Amino acid sequence: MALPISHSLPSLTHGFVPKTLVLKRTPSFIVSRRSDYYEPQKVTSRPPPPEDSLSAASQPSRVYVGYSIYKGKAALTIEPRPPEFSPLDSGAFKVSKEGFALMQFAPAVGTRQYDWSRKQVFSLSVTEIGTLMSLGAKDSCEFFHDPFKGRSDEGKVRKLLKAEPLPDGTGHFFNLSVQNRLLNVDESIYIPISKAEFTILNSSFNFIIPYLLGWHAFANTIKPEDSIQTNNAISRSGVELEWGR
């Protein structure tokens, strides 16, 4: 039985989104030890909703955003995922896991029709986002992920994401190759990203990075009445000597 397919509405829509080495004019290669986003795939009639979504009753104010690009051979959706926090004995919190950008690639099966049941995903770390943002018109980079690195299934799922300049200099090719021995999948999905689309991505990444690092949570806890206690702590540590130079 044929798989259902999704239909994209506009040819280009957008919303909000939001170790690594980049060598100018030569590709860089990155190995990530952080697990990729990974779960059984589902068929939807539109770009898939965030899989970790909570009910409206439990999270009434939560908002999901993303930036989608639709081309002849594939579609790409990029969505931010927030950081995770863990409590401390003092009652404060610290970032236990940085946020990331979830990339979802779906192959085309017709004119503006994409099969999201065959989607492949790739999670960009903050550092990898920075690598993409630093690319010039003739630069390229590569990211390698093994979602099961350090576990019993290591090597059974291999993902390679390449960003390479288009021959005419009008943008970049994004190519995601996935070899999944657990599901007997070997697929490569590529999509051209224009300069305008890449600019939107960079602007969105630039805005969201502090949030992926959890810095917004720190900023929201700053209170004028806490300055005395903070200054006393700084004096005891000798850090104020740095300001006196």
C-alpha atoms as a PDB file:
ATOM      1  CA  MET A   1       0.000   0.000   0.000  1.00  0.00           C
ATOM      2  CA  ALA A   2       1.378   3.377  -0.945  1.00  0.00           C
ATOM      3  CA  LEU A   3       2.541   5.573   1.867  1.00  0.00           C
ATOM      4  CA  PRO A   4       0.631   8.808   2.456  1.00  0.00           C
ATOM      5  CA  ILE A   5       2.489  11.915   1.547  1.00  0.00           C
ATOM      6  CA  SER A   6       2.395  15.434   2.817  1.00  0.00           C
ATOM      7  CA  HIS A   7       1.652  18.520   0.835  1.00  0.00           C
ATOM      8  CA  SER A   8       3.565  21.724   1.412  1.00  0.00           C
ATOM      9  CA  LEU A   9       1.646  24.937   1.097  1.00  0.00           C
ATOM     10  CA  PRO A  10       4.041  27.718   0.088  1.00  0.00           C
ATOM     11  CA  SER A  11       7.135  27.227  -1.980  1.00  0.00           C
ATOM     12  CA  LEU A  12       9.039  28.928   0.822  1.00  0.00           C
ATOM     13  CA  THR A  13       7.819  29.554   4.332  1.00  0.00           C
ATOM     14  CA  HIS A  14       9.657  30.626   7.382  1.00  0.00           C
ATOM     15  CA  GLY A  15       9.262  31.223  11.044  1.00  0.00           C
ATOM     16  CA  PHE A  16      11.633  31.627  13.978  1.00  0.00           C
ATOM     17  CA  VAL A  17      14.465  29.238  14.802  1.00  0.00           C
ATOM     18  CA  PRO A  18      16.226  29.056  17.161  1.00  0.00           C
ATOM     19  CA  LYS A  19      35.100  19.170  18.060  1.00  0.00           C
ATOM     20  CA  THR A  20      34.370  21.645  15.296  1.00  0.00           C
ATOM     21  CA  LEU A  21      36.905  23.000  12.831  1.00  0.00           C
ATOM     22  CA  VAL A  22      36.261  25.197   9.813  1.00  0.00           C
ATOM     23  CA  LEU A  23      38.961  25.641   7.199  1.00  0.00           C
ATOM     24  CA  LYS A  24      38.351  28.354   4.682  1.00  0.00           C
ATOM     25  CA  ARG A  25      37.851  26.998   1.172  1.00  0.00           C
ATOM     26  CA  THR A  26      38.381  23.463   2.454  1.00  0.00           C
ATOM     27  CA  PRO A  27      35.960  21.090   4.180  1.00  0.00           C
ATOM     28  CA  SER A  28      36.067  20.580   7.923  1.00  0.00           C
ATOM     29  CA  PHE A  29      35.239  17.335   9.692  1.00  0.00           C
ATOM     30  CA  ILE A  30      33.439  17.003  12.992  1.00  0.00           C
ATOM     31  CA  VAL A  31      32.771  13.986  15.189  1.00  0.00           C
ATOM     32  CA  SER A  32      29.960  14.419  17.710  1.00  0.00           C
ATOM     33  CA  ARG A  33      29.601  12.287  20.832  1.00  0.00           C
ATOM     34  CA  ARG A  34      26.144  13.679  21.628  1.00  0.00           C
ATOM     35  CA  SER A  35      23.202  11.485  20.712  1.00  0.00           C
ATOM     36  CA  ASP A  36      21.093  12.566  17.785  1.00  0.00           C
ATOM     37  CA  TYR A  37      17.383  12.987  18.027  1.00  0.00           C
ATOM     38  CA  TYR A  38      16.075   9.540  17.164  1.00  0.00           C
ATOM     39  CA  GLU A  39      12.649   7.883  17.231  1.00  0.00           C
ATOM     40  CA  PRO A  40      10.326   5.773  15.050  1.00  0.00           C
ATOM     41  CA  GLN A  41       9.133   7.737  12.052  1.00  0.00           C
ATOM     42  CA  LYS A  42       5.513   8.649  11.410  1.00  0.00           C
ATOM     43  CA  VAL A  43       3.543   9.712   8.356  1.00  0.00           C
ATOM     44  CA  THR A  44       1.939  13.136   8.541  1.00  0.00           C
ATOM     45  CA  SER A  45      -0.005  15.341   6.190  1.00  0.00           C
ATOM     46  CA  ARG A  46       2.227  18.323   6.918  1.00  0.00           C
ATOM     47  CA  PRO A  47       5.727  18.927   8.250  1.00  0.00           C
ATOM     48  CA  PRO A  48       5.780  16.841  11.444  1.00  0.00           C
ATOM     49  CA  PRO A  49       5.091  18.564  14.771  1.00  0.00           C
ATOM     50  CA  PRO A  50       7.785  18.487  17.452  1.00  0.00           C
ATOM     51  CA  GLU A  51       7.911  14.925  18.747  1.00  0.00           C
ATOM     52  CA  ASP A  52       8.608  16.023  22.301  1.00  0.00           C
ATOM     53  CA  SER A  53       5.545  18.251  22.462  1.00  0.00           C
ATOM     54  CA  LEU A  54       3.519  18.341  25.655  1.00  0.00           C
ATOM     55  CA  SER A  55      -0.205  18.761  26.027  1.00  0.00           C
ATOM     56  CA  ALA A  56      -1.689  22.241  25.969  1.00  0.00           C
ATOM     57  CA  ALA A  57      -3.017  21.609  29.478  1.00  0.00           C
ATOM     58  CA  SER A  58       0.442  21.014  30.936  1.00  0.00           C
ATOM     59  CA  GLN A  59       2.250  23.653  28.849  1.00  0.00           C
ATOM     60  CA  PRO A  60      -0.378  26.235  27.836  1.00  0.00           C
ATOM     61  CA  SER A  61       2.159  28.935  26.979  1.00  0.00           C
ATOM     62  CA  ARG A  62       4.627  26.826  25.001  1.00  0.00           C
ATOM     63  CA  VAL A  63       5.207  27.909  21.413  1.00  0.00           C
ATOM     64  CA  TYR A  64       6.766  25.891  18.596  1.00  0.00           C
ATOM     65  CA  VAL A  65       8.555  27.592  15.731  1.00  0.00           C
ATOM     66  CA  GLY A  66      10.690  26.607  12.787  1.00  0.00           C
ATOM     67  CA  TYR A  67      11.954  27.571   9.379  1.00  0.00           C
ATOM     68  CA  SER A  68      10.999  25.405   6.396  1.00  0.00           C
ATOM     69  CA  ILE A  69      12.514  25.280   2.913  1.00  0.00           C
ATOM     70  CA  TYR A  70      10.788  23.443   0.070  1.00  0.00           C
ATOM     71  CA  LYS A  71      12.624  22.534  -3.119  1.00  0.00           C
ATOM     72  CA  GLY A  72      12.117  20.174  -6.028  1.00  0.00           C
ATOM     73  CA  LYS A  73      14.024  17.210  -4.585  1.00  0.00           C
ATOM     74  CA  ALA A  74      13.474  17.640  -0.848  1.00  0.00           C
ATOM     75  CA  ALA A  75      12.149  19.725   2.013  1.00  0.00           C
ATOM     76  CA  LEU A  76      14.028  20.882   5.103  1.00  0.00           C
ATOM     77  CA  THR A  77      12.613  22.036   8.425  1.00  0.00           C
ATOM     78  CA  ILE A  78      14.846  23.464  11.168  1.00  0.00           C
ATOM     79  CA  GLU A  79      13.504  23.888  14.698  1.00  0.00           C
ATOM     80  CA  PRO A  80      15.180  24.965  17.959  1.00  0.00           C
ATOM     81  CA  ARG A  81      15.151  22.687  20.993  1.00  0.00           C
ATOM     82  CA  PRO A  82      15.621  24.254  24.451  1.00  0.00           C
ATOM     83  CA  PRO A  83      18.384  23.406  26.927  1.00  0.00           C
ATOM     84  CA  GLU A  84      17.831  21.143  29.897  1.00  0.00           C
ATOM     85  CA  PHE A  85      18.333  22.307  33.490  1.00  0.00           C
ATOM     86  CA  SER A  86      19.096  20.333  36.654  1.00  0.00           C
ATOM     87  CA  PRO A  87      18.511  21.534  40.239  1.00  0.00           C
ATOM     88  CA  LEU A  88      21.319  22.154  42.727  1.00  0.00           C
ATOM     89  CA  ASP A  89      21.247  21.604  46.474  1.00  0.00           C
ATOM     90  CA  SER A  90      21.233  25.388  46.926  1.00  0.00           C
ATOM     91  CA  GLY A  91      17.888  25.638  45.160  1.00  0.00           C
ATOM     92  CA  ALA A  92      19.453  27.130  42.045  1.00  0.00           C
ATOM     93  CA  PHE A  93      19.616  25.502  38.614  1.00  0.00           C
ATOM     94  CA  LYS A  94      22.371  24.814  36.119  1.00  0.00           C
ATOM     95  CA  VAL A  95      22.346  23.873  32.442  1.00  0.00           C
ATOM     96  CA  SER A  96      22.762  20.095  32.219  1.00  0.00           C
ATOM     97  CA  LYS A  97      22.446  19.891  28.440  1.00  0.00           C
ATOM     98  CA  GLU A  98      22.686  22.639  25.850  1.00  0.00           C
ATOM     99  CA  GLY A  99      19.869  23.172  23.408  1.00  0.00           C
ATOM    100  CA  PHE A 100      20.248  22.352  19.725  1.00  0.00           C
ATOM    101  CA  ALA A 101      18.714  22.865  16.293  1.00  0.00           C
ATOM    102  CA  LEU A 102      16.808  19.889  14.928  1.00  0.00           C
ATOM    103  CA  MET A 103      17.062  19.481  11.150  1.00  0.00           C
ATOM    104  CA  GLN A 104      14.467  17.264   9.431  1.00  0.00           C
ATOM    105  CA  PHE A 105      14.972  16.281   5.788  1.00  0.00           C
ATOM    106  CA  ALA A 106      12.157  14.736   3.721  1.00  0.00           C
ATOM    107  CA  PRO A 107      12.516  13.511   0.100  1.00  0.00           C
ATOM    108  CA  ALA A 108      10.130  14.729  -2.593  1.00  0.00           C
ATOM    109  CA  VAL A 109       7.720  12.246  -4.176  1.00  0.00           C
ATOM    110  CA  GLY A 110       5.986  14.664  -6.531  1.00  0.00           C
ATOM    111  CA  THR A 111       5.496  18.346  -7.260  1.00  0.00           C
ATOM    112  CA  ARG A 112       5.587  20.020  -3.864  1.00  0.00           C
ATOM    113  CA  GLN A 113       4.856  16.675  -2.227  1.00  0.00           C
ATOM    114  CA  TYR A 114       7.165  15.252   0.442  1.00  0.00           C
ATOM    115  CA  ASP A 115       7.192  11.910   2.205  1.00  0.00           C
ATOM    116  CA  TRP A 116       7.740  12.697   5.888  1.00  0.00           C
ATOM    117  CA  SER A 117       7.555   8.984   6.740  1.00  0.00           C
ATOM    118  CA  ARG A 118      11.038   8.768   5.212  1.00  0.00           C
ATOM    119  CA  LYS A 119      12.397  11.817   6.993  1.00  0.00           C
ATOM    120  CA  GLN A 120      15.950  11.818   8.301  1.00  0.00           C
ATOM    121  CA  VAL A 121      16.966  13.987  11.231  1.00  0.00           C
ATOM    122  CA  PHE A 122      20.197  15.639  12.320  1.00  0.00           C
ATOM    123  CA  SER A 123      20.760  17.574  15.550  1.00  0.00           C
ATOM    124  CA  LEU A 124      23.085  20.564  15.289  1.00  0.00           C
ATOM    125  CA  SER A 125      24.953  21.463  18.467  1.00  0.00           C
ATOM    126  CA  VAL A 126      25.647  25.089  19.333  1.00  0.00           C
ATOM    127  CA  THR A 127      29.224  24.741  18.099  1.00  0.00           C
ATOM    128  CA  GLU A 128      28.082  23.182  14.835  1.00  0.00           C
ATOM    129  CA  ILE A 129      25.600  26.019  14.374  1.00  0.00           C
ATOM    130  CA  GLY A 130      28.510  28.413  14.785  1.00  0.00           C
ATOM    131  CA  THR A 131      30.421  26.515  12.111  1.00  0.00           C
ATOM    132  CA  LEU A 132      27.570  26.921   9.623  1.00  0.00           C
ATOM    133  CA  MET A 133      27.205  30.593  10.468  1.00  0.00           C
ATOM    134  CA  SER A 134      30.898  31.199   9.756  1.00  0.00           C
ATOM    135  CA  LEU A 135      30.784  29.737   6.234  1.00  0.00           C
ATOM    136  CA  GLY A 136      31.700  32.059   3.401  1.00  0.00           C
ATOM    137  CA  ALA A 137      30.382  31.801  -0.140  1.00  0.00           C
ATOM    138  CA  LYS A 138      33.116  29.311  -1.123  1.00  0.00           C
ATOM    139  CA  ASP A 139      33.476  27.472   2.185  1.00  0.00           C
ATOM    140  CA  SER A 140      32.307  23.984   3.110  1.00  0.00           C
ATOM    141  CA  CYS A 141      32.078  21.828   6.231  1.00  0.00           C
ATOM    142  CA  GLU A 142      31.124  18.336   7.361  1.00  0.00           C
ATOM    143  CA  PHE A 143      29.579  16.955  10.557  1.00  0.00           C
ATOM    144  CA  PHE A 144      29.622  13.282  11.503  1.00  0.00           C
ATOM    145  CA  HIS A 145      27.263  11.870  14.131  1.00  0.00           C
ATOM    146  CA  ASP A 146      26.953   8.419  15.640  1.00  0.00           C
ATOM    147  CA  PRO A 147      23.818   8.571  17.840  1.00  0.00           C
ATOM    148  CA  PHE A 148      24.931   5.459  19.720  1.00  0.00           C
ATOM    149  CA  LYS A 149      28.527   6.511  20.335  1.00  0.00           C
ATOM    150  CA  GLY A 150      29.885   4.712  23.379  1.00  0.00           C
ATOM    151  CA  ARG A 151      26.983   2.257  23.547  1.00  0.00           C
ATOM    152  CA  SER A 152      26.397  -1.285  22.384  1.00  0.00           C
ATOM    153  CA  ASP A 153      24.934  -0.182  19.047  1.00  0.00           C
ATOM    154  CA  GLU A 154      27.859   2.106  18.203  1.00  0.00           C
ATOM    155  CA  GLY A 155      28.518   2.189  14.462  1.00  0.00           C
ATOM    156  CA  LYS A 156      25.108   0.867  13.459  1.00  0.00           C
ATOM    157  CA  VAL A 157      23.757   4.345  12.673  1.00  0.00           C
ATOM    158  CA  ARG A 158      26.049   6.776  10.882  1.00  0.00           C
ATOM    159  CA  LYS A 159      25.075  10.262   9.786  1.00  0.00           C
ATOM    160  CA  LEU A 160      27.101  12.675   7.674  1.00  0.00           C
ATOM    161  CA  LEU A 161      25.912  16.210   6.985  1.00  0.00           C
ATOM    162  CA  LYS A 162      27.761  18.232   4.347  1.00  0.00           C
ATOM    163  CA  ALA A 163      27.383  21.905   3.481  1.00  0.00           C
ATOM    164  CA  GLU A 164      29.089  22.726   0.180  1.00  0.00           C
ATOM    165  CA  PRO A 165      28.993  25.837  -2.007  1.00  0.00           C
ATOM    166  CA  LEU A 166      26.868  25.763  -5.152  1.00  0.00           C
ATOM    167  CA  PRO A 167      28.967  25.924  -8.351  1.00  0.00           C
ATOM    168  CA  ASP A 168      27.488  29.281  -9.354  1.00  0.00           C
ATOM    169  CA  GLY A 169      28.081  30.803  -5.916  1.00  0.00           C
ATOM    170  CA  THR A 170      24.387  31.420  -5.243  1.00  0.00           C
ATOM    171  CA  GLY A 171      24.227  29.432  -2.022  1.00  0.00           C
ATOM    172  CA  HIS A 172      25.063  26.049  -0.522  1.00  0.00           C
ATOM    173  CA  PHE A 173      24.040  22.419  -0.923  1.00  0.00           C
ATOM    174  CA  PHE A 174      23.006  20.661   2.278  1.00  0.00           C
ATOM    175  CA  ASN A 175      23.426  16.897   1.935  1.00  0.00           C
ATOM    176  CA  LEU A 176      22.490  14.409   4.659  1.00  0.00           C
ATOM    177  CA  SER A 177      23.647  10.810   4.230  1.00  0.00           C
ATOM    178  CA  VAL A 178      22.301   8.221   6.671  1.00  0.00           C
ATOM    179  CA  GLN A 179      23.325   4.578   7.026  1.00  0.00           C
ATOM    180  CA  ASN A 180      21.080   2.821   9.525  1.00  0.00           C
ATOM    181  CA  ARG A 181      21.801  -0.893   9.902  1.00  0.00           C
ATOM    182  CA  LEU A 182      19.108  -1.208  12.562  1.00  0.00           C
ATOM    183  CA  LEU A 183      16.372  -0.296  10.065  1.00  0.00           C
ATOM    184  CA  ASN A 184      18.223  -1.344   6.901  1.00  0.00           C
ATOM    185  CA  VAL A 185      18.229   2.231   5.599  1.00  0.00           C
ATOM    186  CA  ASP A 186      20.842   3.799   3.336  1.00  0.00           C
ATOM    187  CA  GLU A 187      19.662   7.167   2.106  1.00  0.00           C
ATOM    188  CA  SER A 188      21.073  10.474   0.938  1.00  0.00           C
ATOM    189  CA  ILE A 189      18.932  13.614   0.807  1.00  0.00           C
ATOM    190  CA  TYR A 190      20.220  16.900  -0.565  1.00  0.00           C
ATOM    191  CA  ILE A 191      18.664  20.331  -0.894  1.00  0.00           C
ATOM    192  CA  PRO A 192      20.041  23.629  -2.262  1.00  0.00           C
ATOM    193  CA  ILE A 193      19.937  26.597   0.117  1.00  0.00           C
ATOM    194  CA  SER A 194      19.959  30.033  -1.499  1.00  0.00           C
ATOM    195  CA  LYS A 195      21.851  33.024  -0.131  1.00  0.00           C
ATOM    196  CA  ALA A 196      18.595  34.557   1.074  1.00  0.00           C
ATOM    197  CA  GLU A 197      17.562  31.375   2.876  1.00  0.00           C
ATOM    198  CA  PHE A 198      21.022  31.009   4.391  1.00  0.00           C
ATOM    199  CA  THR A 199      20.866  34.612   5.594  1.00  0.00           C
ATOM    200  CA  ILE A 200      17.546  33.926   7.320  1.00  0.00           C
ATOM    201  CA  LEU A 201      19.035  30.861   8.969  1.00  0.00           C
ATOM    202  CA  ASN A 202      22.053  32.815  10.185  1.00  0.00           C
ATOM    203  CA  SER A 203      19.881  35.599  11.575  1.00  0.00           C
ATOM    204  CA  SER A 204      17.671  33.096  13.386  1.00  0.00           C
ATOM    205  CA  PHE A 205      20.678  31.181  14.720  1.00  0.00           C
ATOM    206  CA  ASN A 206      22.291  34.401  15.904  1.00  0.00           C
ATOM    207  CA  PHE A 207      19.183  35.237  17.904  1.00  0.00           C
ATOM    208  CA  ILE A 208      18.559  31.802  19.402  1.00  0.00           C
ATOM    209  CA  ILE A 209      22.088  30.773  20.448  1.00  0.00           C
ATOM    210  CA  PRO A 210      22.005  32.546  23.876  1.00  0.00           C
ATOM    211  CA  TYR A 211      18.728  30.758  24.582  1.00  0.00           C
ATOM    212  CA  LEU A 212      20.182  27.393  23.586  1.00  0.00           C
ATOM    213  CA  LEU A 213      22.957  28.067  26.112  1.00  0.00           C
ATOM    214  CA  GLY A 214      20.446  28.998  28.806  1.00  0.00           C
ATOM    215  CA  TRP A 215      21.764  32.537  29.217  1.00  0.00           C
ATOM    216  CA  HIS A 216      18.237  33.969  29.072  1.00  0.00           C
ATOM    217  CA  ALA A 217      17.365  32.054  32.246  1.00  0.00           C
ATOM    218  CA  PHE A 218      20.361  33.593  34.000  1.00  0.00           C
ATOM    219  CA  ALA A 219      19.431  37.088  32.807  1.00  0.00           C
ATOM    220  CA  ASN A 220      15.890  36.661  34.118  1.00  0.00           C
ATOM    221  CA  THR A 221      17.220  35.941  37.627  1.00  0.00           C
ATOM    222  CA  ILE A 222      19.291  39.135  37.908  1.00  0.00           C
ATOM    223  CA  LYS A 223      17.794  41.436  40.568  1.00  0.00           C
ATOM    224  CA  PRO A 224      19.145  44.777  41.829  1.00  0.00           C
ATOM    225  CA  GLU A 225      18.827  43.664  45.459  1.00  0.00           C
ATOM    226  CA  ASP A 226      21.147  40.753  44.750  1.00  0.00           C
ATOM    227  CA  SER A 227      24.022  43.029  43.713  1.00  0.00           C
ATOM    228  CA  ILE A 228      25.372  43.466  47.260  1.00  0.00           C
ATOM    229  CA  GLN A 229      25.631  39.738  47.849  1.00  0.00           C
ATOM    230  CA  THR A 230      27.163  39.226  44.406  1.00  0.00           C
ATOM    231  CA  ASN A 231      29.727  41.992  44.894  1.00  0.00           C
ATOM    232  CA  ASN A 232      30.744  40.541  48.266  1.00  0.00           C
ATOM    233  CA  ALA A 233      31.262  37.150  46.680  1.00  0.00           C
ATOM    234  CA  ILE A 234      33.372  38.710  43.943  1.00  0.00           C
ATOM    235  CA  SER A 235      35.502  40.561  46.503  1.00  0.00           C
ATOM    236  CA  ARG A 236      36.172  37.359  48.391  1.00  0.00           C
ATOM    237  CA  SER A 237      37.273  35.585  45.225  1.00  0.00           C
ATOM    238  CA  GLY A 238      39.613  38.341  44.089  1.00  0.00           C
ATOM    239  CA  VAL A 239      37.904  38.634  40.722  1.00  0.00           C
ATOM    240  CA  GLU A 240      37.520  42.397  41.212  1.00  0.00           C
ATOM    241  CA  LEU A 241      41.255  42.699  40.521  1.00  0.00           C
ATOM    242  CA  GLU A 242      40.470  41.994  36.881  1.00  0.00           C
ATOM    243  CA  TRP A 243      38.239  45.079  36.735  1.00  0.00           C
ATOM    244  CA  GLY A 244      40.944  47.262  38.247  1.00  0.00           C
ATOM    245  CA  ARG A 245      43.414  46.726  35.434  1.00  0.00           C
END
